[in-house]
Amino acid sequence: MKILKHVIFWLCIIGTLFSMIYFFVADIPFYVKLLGGAIILYLGYDLITESRKRKRKDALEA
């Protein structure tokens, strides 16, 4: 069962990457691509900073 979960997870990751690549290659107006890129960058930044905050908080509590 664990192998099946890993296979599904990696298929989802690969599908997401292909979708993102197609989004930036497709014939979509440039401002939509910029907006999509900005949202992706913001979400990535937020994910990284939240992870750092959580690690710091866990280190202080220990």
PDB file of N, CA and C in Angstrom:
ATOM      1  N   MET A   1       0.829  -1.198   0.000  1.00  0.00           N
ATOM      2  CA  MET A   1       0.000   0.000   0.000  1.00  0.00           C
ATOM      3  C   MET A   1       0.869   1.257   0.000  1.00  0.00           C
ATOM      4  N   LYS A   2       2.009   1.173   0.719  1.00  0.00           N
ATOM      5  CA  LYS A   2       2.901   2.333   0.788  1.00  0.00           C
ATOM      6  C   LYS A   2       3.483   2.649  -0.591  1.00  0.00           C
ATOM      7  N   ILE A   3       3.796   1.597  -1.364  1.00  0.00           N
ATOM      8  CA  ILE A   3       4.348   1.814  -2.711  1.00  0.00           C
ATOM      9  C   ILE A   3       3.317   2.509  -3.591  1.00  0.00           C
ATOM     10  N   LEU A   4       2.066   2.095  -3.482  1.00  0.00           N
ATOM     11  CA  LEU A   4       0.999   2.709  -4.274  1.00  0.00           C
ATOM     12  C   LEU A   4       0.859   4.192  -3.949  1.00  0.00           C
ATOM     13  N   LYS A   5       0.976   4.549  -2.668  1.00  0.00           N
ATOM     14  CA  LYS A   5       0.893   5.961  -2.271  1.00  0.00           C
ATOM     15  C   LYS A   5       2.040   6.756  -2.876  1.00  0.00           C
ATOM     16  N   HIS A   6       3.245   6.182  -2.881  1.00  0.00           N
ATOM     17  CA  HIS A   6       4.394   6.875  -3.466  1.00  0.00           C
ATOM     18  C   HIS A   6       4.238   7.041  -4.974  1.00  0.00           C
ATOM     19  N   VAL A   7       3.730   6.021  -5.635  1.00  0.00           N
ATOM     20  CA  VAL A   7       3.524   6.096  -7.088  1.00  0.00           C
ATOM     21  C   VAL A   7       2.509   7.185  -7.418  1.00  0.00           C
ATOM     22  N   ILE A   8       1.410   7.218  -6.693  1.00  0.00           N
ATOM     23  CA  ILE A   8       0.383   8.238  -6.929  1.00  0.00           C
ATOM     24  C   ILE A   8       0.943   9.629  -6.645  1.00  0.00           C
ATOM     25  N   PHE A   9       1.703   9.765  -5.558  1.00  0.00           N
ATOM     26  CA  PHE A   9       2.301  11.055  -5.214  1.00  0.00           C
ATOM     27  C   PHE A   9       3.208  11.551  -6.332  1.00  0.00           C
ATOM     28  N   TRP A  10       4.115  10.694  -6.813  1.00  0.00           N
ATOM     29  CA  TRP A  10       5.060  11.133  -7.853  1.00  0.00           C
ATOM     30  C   TRP A  10       4.365  11.384  -9.182  1.00  0.00           C
ATOM     31  N   LEU A  11       3.317  10.634  -9.491  1.00  0.00           N
ATOM     32  CA  LEU A  11       2.558  10.919 -10.712  1.00  0.00           C
ATOM     33  C   LEU A  11       1.884  12.285 -10.618  1.00  0.00           C
ATOM     34  N   CYS A  12       1.386  12.619  -9.443  1.00  0.00           N
ATOM     35  CA  CYS A  12       0.771  13.942  -9.251  1.00  0.00           C
ATOM     36  C   CYS A  12       1.814  15.047  -9.389  1.00  0.00           C
ATOM     37  N   ILE A  13       3.003  14.836  -8.829  1.00  0.00           N
ATOM     38  CA  ILE A  13       4.073  15.835  -8.934  1.00  0.00           C
ATOM     39  C   ILE A  13       4.469  16.028 -10.392  1.00  0.00           C
ATOM     40  N   ILE A  14       4.658  14.928 -11.121  1.00  0.00           N
ATOM     41  CA  ILE A  14       5.048  15.022 -12.537  1.00  0.00           C
ATOM     42  C   ILE A  14       3.950  15.693 -13.343  1.00  0.00           C
ATOM     43  N   GLY A  15       2.695  15.348 -13.082  1.00  0.00           N
ATOM     44  CA  GLY A  15       1.577  15.974 -13.789  1.00  0.00           C
ATOM     45  C   GLY A  15       1.502  17.464 -13.519  1.00  0.00           C
ATOM     46  N   THR A  16       1.751  17.857 -12.280  1.00  0.00           N
ATOM     47  CA  THR A  16       1.748  19.277 -11.933  1.00  0.00           C
ATOM     48  C   THR A  16       2.863  20.017 -12.659  1.00  0.00           C
ATOM     49  N   LEU A  17       4.046  19.434 -12.711  1.00  0.00           N
ATOM     50  CA  LEU A  17       5.170  20.074 -13.415  1.00  0.00           C
ATOM     51  C   LEU A  17       4.872  20.231 -14.896  1.00  0.00           C
ATOM     52  N   PHE A  18       4.327  19.191 -15.526  1.00  0.00           N
ATOM     53  CA  PHE A  18       3.982  19.296 -16.941  1.00  0.00           C
ATOM     54  C   PHE A  18       2.904  20.360 -17.168  1.00  0.00           C
ATOM     55  N   SER A  19       1.947  20.443 -16.250  1.00  0.00           N
ATOM     56  CA  SER A  19       0.900  21.460 -16.382  1.00  0.00           C
ATOM     57  C   SER A  19       1.480  22.867 -16.273  1.00  0.00           C
ATOM     58  N   MET A  20       2.412  23.055 -15.334  1.00  0.00           N
ATOM     59  CA  MET A  20       3.033  24.371 -15.172  1.00  0.00           C
ATOM     60  C   MET A  20       3.861  24.737 -16.405  1.00  0.00           C
ATOM     61  N   ILE A  21       4.605  23.771 -16.932  1.00  0.00           N
ATOM     62  CA  ILE A  21       5.408  24.032 -18.133  1.00  0.00           C
ATOM     63  C   ILE A  21       4.493  24.377 -19.302  1.00  0.00           C
ATOM     64  N   TYR A  22       3.417  23.618 -19.486  1.00  0.00           N
ATOM     65  CA  TYR A  22       2.488  23.904 -20.579  1.00  0.00           C
ATOM     66  C   TYR A  22       1.862  25.282 -20.412  1.00  0.00           C
ATOM     67  N   PHE A  23       1.549  25.666 -19.174  1.00  0.00           N
ATOM     68  CA  PHE A  23       0.946  26.970 -18.919  1.00  0.00           C
ATOM     69  C   PHE A  23       1.838  28.091 -19.444  1.00  0.00           C
ATOM     70  N   PHE A  24       3.159  27.972 -19.257  1.00  0.00           N
ATOM     71  CA  PHE A  24       4.060  29.032 -19.684  1.00  0.00           C
ATOM     72  C   PHE A  24       4.439  28.931 -21.156  1.00  0.00           C
ATOM     73  N   VAL A  25       4.187  27.782 -21.791  1.00  0.00           N
ATOM     74  CA  VAL A  25       4.509  27.621 -23.210  1.00  0.00           C
ATOM     75  C   VAL A  25       3.281  27.901 -24.086  1.00  0.00           C
ATOM     76  N   ALA A  26       2.101  27.663 -23.557  1.00  0.00           N
ATOM     77  CA  ALA A  26       0.862  27.780 -24.329  1.00  0.00           C
ATOM     78  C   ALA A  26       0.632  29.221 -24.791  1.00  0.00           C
ATOM     79  N   ASP A  27      -0.284  29.353 -25.706  1.00  0.00           N
ATOM     80  CA  ASP A  27      -0.608  30.666 -26.280  1.00  0.00           C
ATOM     81  C   ASP A  27      -1.617  31.373 -25.364  1.00  0.00           C
ATOM     82  N   ILE A  28      -1.099  31.874 -24.255  1.00  0.00           N
ATOM     83  CA  ILE A  28      -1.899  32.578 -23.258  1.00  0.00           C
ATOM     84  C   ILE A  28      -1.350  34.006 -23.191  1.00  0.00           C
ATOM     85  N   PRO A  29      -2.196  35.013 -22.987  1.00  0.00           N
ATOM     86  CA  PRO A  29      -1.686  36.389 -22.898  1.00  0.00           C
ATOM     87  C   PRO A  29      -0.581  36.525 -21.846  1.00  0.00           C
ATOM     88  N   PHE A  30       0.363  37.404 -22.142  1.00  0.00           N
ATOM     89  CA  PHE A  30       1.556  37.544 -21.308  1.00  0.00           C
ATOM     90  C   PHE A  30       1.212  37.965 -19.880  1.00  0.00           C
ATOM     91  N   TYR A  31       0.223  38.856 -19.716  1.00  0.00           N
ATOM     92  CA  TYR A  31      -0.109  39.313 -18.363  1.00  0.00           C
ATOM     93  C   TYR A  31      -0.662  38.170 -17.516  1.00  0.00           C
ATOM     94  N   VAL A  32      -1.346  37.205 -18.128  1.00  0.00           N
ATOM     95  CA  VAL A  32      -1.849  36.051 -17.384  1.00  0.00           C
ATOM     96  C   VAL A  32      -0.677  35.178 -16.937  1.00  0.00           C
ATOM     97  N   LYS A  33       0.329  35.024 -17.823  1.00  0.00           N
ATOM     98  CA  LYS A  33       1.519  34.261 -17.453  1.00  0.00           C
ATOM     99  C   LYS A  33       2.262  34.944 -16.311  1.00  0.00           C
ATOM    100  N   LEU A  34       2.372  36.269 -16.373  1.00  0.00           N
ATOM    101  CA  LEU A  34       3.045  36.994 -15.293  1.00  0.00           C
ATOM    102  C   LEU A  34       2.298  36.833 -13.973  1.00  0.00           C
ATOM    103  N   LEU A  35       0.991  36.947 -14.027  1.00  0.00           N
ATOM    104  CA  LEU A  35       0.181  36.794 -12.820  1.00  0.00           C
ATOM    105  C   LEU A  35       0.316  35.381 -12.259  1.00  0.00           C
ATOM    106  N   GLY A  36       0.249  34.386 -13.117  1.00  0.00           N
ATOM    107  CA  GLY A  36       0.418  32.997 -12.672  1.00  0.00           C
ATOM    108  C   GLY A  36       1.790  32.763 -12.070  1.00  0.00           C
ATOM    109  N   GLY A  37       2.832  33.310 -12.706  1.00  0.00           N
ATOM    110  CA  GLY A  37       4.187  33.171 -12.178  1.00  0.00           C
ATOM    111  C   GLY A  37       4.332  33.844 -10.830  1.00  0.00           C
ATOM    112  N   ALA A  38       3.736  35.012 -10.677  1.00  0.00           N
ATOM    113  CA  ALA A  38       3.807  35.722  -9.399  1.00  0.00           C
ATOM    114  C   ALA A  38       3.109  34.928  -8.294  1.00  0.00           C
ATOM    115  N   ILE A  39       1.979  34.341  -8.603  1.00  0.00           N
ATOM    116  CA  ILE A  39       1.258  33.543  -7.608  1.00  0.00           C
ATOM    117  C   ILE A  39       2.069  32.322  -7.214  1.00  0.00           C
ATOM    118  N   ILE A  40       2.676  31.650  -8.194  1.00  0.00           N
ATOM    119  CA  ILE A  40       3.497  30.470  -7.901  1.00  0.00           C
ATOM    120  C   ILE A  40       4.696  30.850  -7.043  1.00  0.00           C
ATOM    121  N   LEU A  41       5.356  31.958  -7.379  1.00  0.00           N
ATOM    122  CA  LEU A  41       6.500  32.393  -6.586  1.00  0.00           C
ATOM    123  C   LEU A  41       6.085  32.756  -5.161  1.00  0.00           C
ATOM    124  N   TYR A  42       4.959  33.441  -5.024  1.00  0.00           N
ATOM    125  CA  TYR A  42       4.484  33.807  -3.692  1.00  0.00           C
ATOM    126  C   TYR A  42       4.175  32.568  -2.859  1.00  0.00           C
ATOM    127  N   LEU A  43       3.494  31.599  -3.449  1.00  0.00           N
ATOM    128  CA  LEU A  43       3.162  30.386  -2.706  1.00  0.00           C
ATOM    129  C   LEU A  43       4.423  29.623  -2.303  1.00  0.00           C
ATOM    130  N   GLY A  44       5.415  29.576  -3.189  1.00  0.00           N
ATOM    131  CA  GLY A  44       6.683  28.930  -2.851  1.00  0.00           C
ATOM    132  C   GLY A  44       7.398  29.648  -1.728  1.00  0.00           C
ATOM    133  N   TYR A  45       7.432  30.972  -1.785  1.00  0.00           N
ATOM    134  CA  TYR A  45       8.068  31.770  -0.735  1.00  0.00           C
ATOM    135  C   TYR A  45       7.353  31.570   0.601  1.00  0.00           C
ATOM    136  N   ASP A  46       6.034  31.587   0.566  1.00  0.00           N
ATOM    137  CA  ASP A  46       5.243  31.401   1.779  1.00  0.00           C
ATOM    138  C   ASP A  46       5.491  30.020   2.380  1.00  0.00           C
ATOM    139  N   LEU A  47       5.579  29.011   1.534  1.00  0.00           N
ATOM    140  CA  LEU A  47       5.840  27.652   2.009  1.00  0.00           C
ATOM    141  C   LEU A  47       7.201  27.559   2.687  1.00  0.00           C
ATOM    142  N   ILE A  48       8.224  28.179   2.089  1.00  0.00           N
ATOM    143  CA  ILE A  48       9.579  28.132   2.652  1.00  0.00           C
ATOM    144  C   ILE A  48       9.642  28.883   3.975  1.00  0.00           C
ATOM    145  N   THR A  49       9.055  30.078   4.032  1.00  0.00           N
ATOM    146  CA  THR A  49       9.131  30.861   5.268  1.00  0.00           C
ATOM    147  C   THR A  49       8.326  30.208   6.392  1.00  0.00           C
ATOM    148  N   GLU A  50       7.189  29.607   6.072  1.00  0.00           N
ATOM    149  CA  GLU A  50       6.402  28.917   7.096  1.00  0.00           C
ATOM    150  C   GLU A  50       7.182  27.731   7.643  1.00  0.00           C
ATOM    151  N   SER A  51       7.889  27.026   6.772  1.00  0.00           N
ATOM    152  CA  SER A  51       8.693  25.889   7.205  1.00  0.00           C
ATOM    153  C   SER A  51       9.799  26.345   8.148  1.00  0.00           C
ATOM    154  N   ARG A  52      10.443  27.448   7.824  1.00  0.00           N
ATOM    155  CA  ARG A  52      11.510  27.979   8.683  1.00  0.00           C
ATOM    156  C   ARG A  52      10.952  28.431  10.030  1.00  0.00           C
ATOM    157  N   LYS A  53       9.795  29.097  10.005  1.00  0.00           N
ATOM    158  CA  LYS A  53       9.182  29.559  11.256  1.00  0.00           C
ATOM    159  C   LYS A  53       8.836  28.368  12.150  1.00  0.00           C
ATOM    160  N   ARG A  54       8.304  27.311  11.532  1.00  0.00           N
ATOM    161  CA  ARG A  54       7.919  26.136  12.299  1.00  0.00           C
ATOM    162  C   ARG A  54       9.150  25.469  12.906  1.00  0.00           C
ATOM    163  N   LYS A  55      10.240  25.381  12.138  1.00  0.00           N
ATOM    164  CA  LYS A  55      11.468  24.779  12.664  1.00  0.00           C
ATOM    165  C   LYS A  55      12.015  25.594  13.832  1.00  0.00           C
ATOM    166  N   ARG A  56      12.008  26.938  13.700  1.00  0.00           N
ATOM    167  CA  ARG A  56      12.466  27.784  14.786  1.00  0.00           C
ATOM    168  C   ARG A  56      11.607  27.624  16.037  1.00  0.00           C
ATOM    169  N   LYS A  57      10.304  27.578  15.829  1.00  0.00           N
ATOM    170  CA  LYS A  57       9.379  27.430  16.948  1.00  0.00           C
ATOM    171  C   LYS A  57       9.609  26.090  17.648  1.00  0.00           C
ATOM    172  N   ASP A  58       9.786  25.027  16.861  1.00  0.00           N
ATOM    173  CA  ASP A  58      10.041  23.711  17.459  1.00  0.00           C
ATOM    174  C   ASP A  58      11.362  23.688  18.206  1.00  0.00           C
ATOM    175  N   ALA A  59      12.374  24.384  17.682  1.00  0.00           N
ATOM    176  CA  ALA A  59      13.679  24.429  18.348  1.00  0.00           C
ATOM    177  C   ALA A  59      13.596  25.201  19.658  1.00  0.00           C
ATOM    178  N   LEU A  60      12.807  26.275  19.693  1.00  0.00           N
ATOM    179  CA  LEU A  60      12.665  27.043  20.916  1.00  0.00           C
ATOM    180  C   LEU A  60      11.883  26.279  21.979  1.00  0.00           C
ATOM    181  N   GLU A  61      10.900  25.499  21.569  1.00  0.00           N
ATOM    182  CA  GLU A  61      10.087  24.744  22.514  1.00  0.00           C
ATOM    183  C   GLU A  61      10.844  23.555  23.095  1.00  0.00           C
ATOM    184  N   ALA A  62      11.824  23.049  22.362  1.00  0.00           N
ATOM    185  CA  ALA A  62      12.576  21.853  22.836  1.00  0.00           C
ATOM    186  C   ALA A  62      13.574  22.182  23.905  1.00  0.00           C
TER     187      ALA A  62
END
